[in-house]
Amino acid sequence: MPTHLITGAGSGIGGALARRLHDQGDRLVLLARSEERAAELAVDFSDAATLVADLADPADLERRLAEAELPERIDSVLHVAGAVELSAVADLPVGQLREQLDVNLVAPAVLTRACLPALRRAQGTVLFVNSTSGLRANPAWAAYAASKFGLRGFADALRAEEAEHGVRVTSVFPSRTATPMQEKVHGQEGKEYDASAWITPETVADAIVHVLGLPREATIPELVVKVAR
């Protein structure tokens, strides 16, 4: 039975992905930012293990991972959680910049490092749900894009380092997806939100499941999922 460690399983792409993997009988380890969130996840995925840690506090995440009993073998670490706050650089508060870098870049690096021994044993996959903002930066997206460009660089280096251990590394770049984060972004942009205009979380989850199911001789280093219009 494959084991997957997932961040962001409470909603959006992470929730859809957790449901897909749960329904096919896989074992889940879900990272939650609080005890309350862990309790909610336990209701939806009663047989999943939970790990409480705040991705916005990488030092606390590192401590909690050191104290946790992680599985001996992990078939995939799926980095789905993210944070976004739009702001022009001239008005960008340091706190907003720091949070996005911590949640979107530093925390995935800390979590990946902690899981590498178990990933090597399983010859598993590290998958980063990045963003098309990690390929192209637009006005007001500087902090978010910087974190995602950095995440792509981290993934590239990790891929080269871990190939000899049989660990595969994939970056997925979805364009706008119908998630609570996207609804929040529309509010910040002052735009009306229409979920039907965007990719569904289930579509992105299906693409990720396809990557995870590849035979050992194949890998997809990068995958862009765009709205078909």
Protein backbone atom coordinates (compact mmCIF):
# COMPACT_ATOMS: atom_id res chain seq x y z
CA MET A 1 0.00 0.00 0.00
CA PRO A 2 1.62 3.30 -1.09
CA THR A 3 2.07 6.01 1.53
CA HIS A 4 1.67 9.69 0.66
CA LEU A 5 2.42 12.73 2.80
CA ILE A 6 0.26 15.66 1.71
CA THR A 7 0.15 19.33 2.67
CA GLY A 8 -2.93 21.43 1.96
CA ALA A 9 -5.35 18.49 2.10
CA GLY A 10 -8.08 20.57 3.72
CA SER A 11 -9.41 22.14 0.51
CA GLY A 12 -8.78 22.87 -3.15
CA ILE A 13 -6.25 20.80 -5.07
CA GLY A 14 -4.91 19.17 -1.90
CA GLY A 15 -8.38 18.10 -0.83
CA ALA A 16 -9.21 16.67 -4.25
CA LEU A 17 -5.87 14.85 -4.37
CA ALA A 18 -6.26 13.39 -0.88
CA ARG A 19 -9.72 12.12 -1.85
CA ARG A 20 -8.41 10.50 -5.06
CA LEU A 21 -5.59 8.69 -3.24
CA HIS A 22 -7.81 7.72 -0.31
CA ASP A 23 -10.44 6.27 -2.63
CA GLN A 24 -7.86 4.06 -4.33
CA GLY A 25 -6.87 2.63 -0.94
CA ASP A 26 -3.55 4.38 -0.36
CA ARG A 27 -2.24 5.36 3.06
CA LEU A 28 -2.27 9.10 3.82
CA VAL A 29 -0.24 11.24 6.20
CA LEU A 30 -1.82 14.69 6.26
CA LEU A 31 -0.04 17.78 7.55
CA ALA A 32 -2.40 20.22 9.31
CA ARG A 33 -1.60 23.70 10.58
CA SER A 34 -3.51 23.27 13.86
CA GLU A 35 -5.12 20.66 16.09
CA GLU A 36 -8.52 21.93 14.97
CA ARG A 37 -7.62 21.44 11.32
CA ALA A 38 -6.26 17.96 12.08
CA ALA A 39 -9.56 17.04 13.74
CA GLU A 40 -11.45 18.17 10.63
CA LEU A 41 -9.21 16.09 8.38
CA ALA A 42 -9.70 13.09 10.66
CA VAL A 43 -13.44 13.31 9.99
CA ASP A 44 -12.97 13.31 6.22
CA PHE A 45 -10.18 10.71 6.21
CA SER A 46 -10.76 8.59 9.29
CA ASP A 47 -7.91 6.15 8.60
CA ALA A 48 -5.30 8.81 7.78
CA ALA A 49 -2.49 9.86 10.10
CA THR A 50 -2.12 13.57 10.84
CA LEU A 51 0.87 15.72 11.69
CA VAL A 52 0.31 19.19 13.16
CA ALA A 53 2.75 21.91 12.08
CA ASP A 54 2.49 25.47 10.79
CA LEU A 55 4.16 25.92 7.41
CA ALA A 56 4.39 29.65 8.11
CA ASP A 57 6.85 28.82 10.92
CA PRO A 58 9.62 26.68 9.36
CA ALA A 59 11.59 26.49 12.62
CA ASP A 60 8.57 25.01 14.39
CA LEU A 61 7.99 22.70 11.42
CA GLU A 62 11.57 21.45 11.66
CA ARG A 63 11.18 20.79 15.39
CA ARG A 64 7.90 18.95 14.99
CA LEU A 65 9.27 16.81 12.17
CA ALA A 66 12.25 15.86 14.34
CA GLU A 67 9.84 14.75 17.08
CA ALA A 68 7.40 12.95 14.77
CA GLU A 69 7.43 9.28 13.91
CA LEU A 70 7.47 9.51 10.14
CA PRO A 71 6.81 6.34 8.13
CA GLU A 72 9.86 4.25 7.32
CA ARG A 73 8.93 4.39 3.63
CA ILE A 74 7.16 7.28 1.88
CA ASP A 75 6.11 6.82 -1.73
CA SER A 76 5.38 10.49 -2.32
CA VAL A 77 5.59 13.85 -0.61
CA LEU A 78 3.02 16.13 -2.18
CA HIS A 79 3.52 19.83 -1.52
CA VAL A 80 0.15 21.43 -2.25
CA ALA A 81 -0.39 24.05 0.47
CA GLY A 82 0.36 27.65 -0.43
CA ALA A 83 -0.10 31.26 0.61
CA VAL A 84 -0.75 34.32 -1.55
CA GLU A 85 -1.16 38.04 -0.87
CA LEU A 86 -1.14 40.44 -3.81
CA SER A 87 0.78 43.70 -3.51
CA ALA A 88 2.85 46.02 -5.64
CA VAL A 89 6.50 45.99 -4.59
CA ALA A 90 6.26 49.63 -3.50
CA ASP A 91 3.59 48.71 -0.96
CA LEU A 92 4.76 45.20 -0.03
CA PRO A 93 4.87 44.64 3.75
CA VAL A 94 7.83 42.58 4.94
CA GLY A 95 5.43 40.29 6.82
CA GLN A 96 3.56 39.38 3.63
CA LEU A 97 6.80 38.73 1.78
CA ARG A 98 8.14 36.59 4.62
CA GLU A 99 4.96 34.51 4.94
CA GLN A 100 4.80 33.66 1.26
CA LEU A 101 8.47 32.73 1.13
CA ASP A 102 8.14 30.61 4.29
CA VAL A 103 4.96 28.74 3.27
CA ASN A 104 5.70 28.37 -0.44
CA LEU A 105 9.47 27.78 -0.42
CA VAL A 106 11.18 27.35 2.94
CA ALA A 107 8.64 24.95 4.48
CA PRO A 108 8.63 22.60 1.44
CA ALA A 109 12.42 22.52 1.60
CA VAL A 110 12.39 21.67 5.32
CA LEU A 111 9.71 19.00 4.88
CA THR A 112 11.42 17.42 1.88
CA ARG A 113 14.75 17.18 3.70
CA ALA A 114 13.12 15.45 6.68
CA CYS A 115 11.42 12.92 4.41
CA LEU A 116 14.37 12.08 2.16
CA PRO A 117 15.49 8.92 4.00
CA ALA A 118 11.97 7.45 3.72
CA LEU A 119 11.64 8.61 0.11
CA ARG A 120 14.96 6.96 -0.80
CA ARG A 121 13.88 3.67 0.75
CA ALA A 122 10.71 3.70 -1.34
CA GLN A 123 12.33 5.29 -4.42
CA GLY A 124 9.47 7.70 -4.13
CA THR A 125 8.36 10.96 -5.72
CA VAL A 126 8.53 14.53 -4.50
CA LEU A 127 5.88 16.62 -6.21
CA PHE A 128 5.59 20.37 -5.89
CA VAL A 129 2.34 22.05 -6.89
CA ASN A 130 3.90 25.25 -8.18
CA SER A 131 1.98 27.79 -10.31
CA THR A 132 2.22 29.44 -13.68
CA SER A 133 3.39 32.37 -11.53
CA GLY A 134 6.53 30.26 -11.11
CA LEU A 135 7.07 30.58 -14.86
CA ARG A 136 6.05 34.21 -15.42
CA ALA A 137 5.68 37.09 -12.96
CA ASN A 138 2.94 39.70 -13.31
CA PRO A 139 2.34 43.04 -11.58
CA ALA A 140 1.24 42.72 -7.92
CA TRP A 141 2.46 39.11 -7.81
CA ALA A 142 6.12 39.79 -6.94
CA ALA A 143 6.24 38.04 -3.55
CA TYR A 144 4.21 35.02 -4.67
CA ALA A 145 6.11 34.68 -7.95
CA ALA A 146 9.46 35.00 -6.17
CA SER A 147 8.51 32.14 -3.86
CA LYS A 148 7.37 29.99 -6.77
CA PHE A 149 10.38 30.76 -8.98
CA GLY A 150 12.50 29.75 -5.99
CA LEU A 151 10.50 26.56 -5.56
CA ARG A 152 11.16 25.63 -9.18
CA GLY A 153 14.90 26.13 -8.63
CA PHE A 154 14.80 24.02 -5.48
CA ALA A 155 12.99 21.25 -7.38
CA ASP A 156 15.53 21.33 -10.21
CA ALA A 157 18.47 20.97 -7.82
CA LEU A 158 16.73 18.25 -5.83
CA ARG A 159 15.95 16.32 -9.00
CA ALA A 160 19.60 16.29 -10.02
CA GLU A 161 20.78 15.33 -6.54
CA GLU A 162 18.31 12.52 -5.90
CA ALA A 163 18.28 10.77 -9.27
CA GLU A 164 21.04 8.42 -8.08
CA HIS A 165 18.78 7.36 -5.18
CA GLY A 166 15.83 6.64 -7.47
CA VAL A 167 13.78 9.59 -6.15
CA ARG A 168 11.79 11.34 -8.85
CA VAL A 169 10.92 15.05 -8.63
CA THR A 170 8.06 16.75 -10.46
CA SER A 171 6.91 20.36 -10.55
CA VAL A 172 3.29 20.92 -11.59
CA PHE A 173 2.33 24.39 -12.80
CA PRO A 174 -1.46 24.88 -12.77
CA SER A 175 -2.93 28.06 -14.16
CA ARG A 176 -5.89 29.58 -12.33
CA THR A 177 -7.83 26.84 -10.55
CA ALA A 178 -11.25 27.01 -8.88
CA THR A 179 -10.13 26.94 -5.25
CA PRO A 180 -10.74 29.07 -2.14
CA MET A 181 -7.33 30.67 -2.78
CA GLN A 182 -8.45 31.69 -6.24
CA GLU A 183 -11.63 33.22 -4.84
CA LYS A 184 -9.49 35.20 -2.37
CA VAL A 185 -7.23 36.39 -5.21
CA HIS A 186 -10.22 37.62 -7.19
CA GLY A 187 -11.32 39.60 -4.16
CA GLN A 188 -7.88 41.21 -3.92
CA GLU A 189 -8.00 41.99 -7.62
CA GLY A 190 -11.47 43.48 -7.30
CA LYS A 191 -12.86 41.02 -9.83
CA GLU A 192 -16.00 38.92 -9.83
CA TYR A 193 -15.25 35.25 -9.16
CA ASP A 194 -16.75 32.61 -11.45
CA ALA A 195 -15.49 29.13 -10.57
CA SER A 196 -16.72 27.73 -13.89
CA ALA A 197 -14.14 29.83 -15.75
CA TRP A 198 -11.20 27.96 -14.28
CA ILE A 199 -9.66 24.49 -14.03
CA THR A 200 -11.24 22.30 -11.38
CA PRO A 201 -9.11 20.99 -8.49
CA GLU A 202 -10.08 17.48 -9.57
CA THR A 203 -8.49 18.03 -12.99
CA VAL A 204 -5.17 18.97 -11.40
CA ALA A 205 -5.47 16.07 -8.93
CA ASP A 206 -6.00 13.64 -11.80
CA ALA A 207 -2.85 14.94 -13.51
CA ILE A 208 -0.88 14.41 -10.29
CA VAL A 209 -2.22 10.89 -9.84
CA HIS A 210 -1.08 10.15 -13.40
CA VAL A 211 2.44 11.34 -12.54
CA LEU A 212 2.50 9.18 -9.42
CA GLY A 213 1.38 6.13 -11.38
CA LEU A 214 4.14 6.23 -13.98
CA PRO A 215 6.27 3.09 -14.37
CA ARG A 216 9.70 3.24 -12.76
CA GLU A 217 11.49 3.87 -16.05
CA ALA A 218 9.62 7.12 -16.71
CA THR A 219 9.33 10.54 -15.09
CA ILE A 220 7.66 13.87 -15.84
CA PRO A 221 9.98 16.58 -14.51
CA GLU A 222 7.57 19.44 -15.21
CA LEU A 223 3.90 19.57 -16.12
CA VAL A 224 1.86 22.68 -17.02
CA VAL A 225 -1.93 22.45 -16.67
CA LYS A 226 -3.71 25.37 -18.36
CA VAL A 227 -7.24 26.55 -18.94
CA ALA A 228 -8.23 25.44 -22.45
CA ARG A 229 -9.16 28.84 -23.84
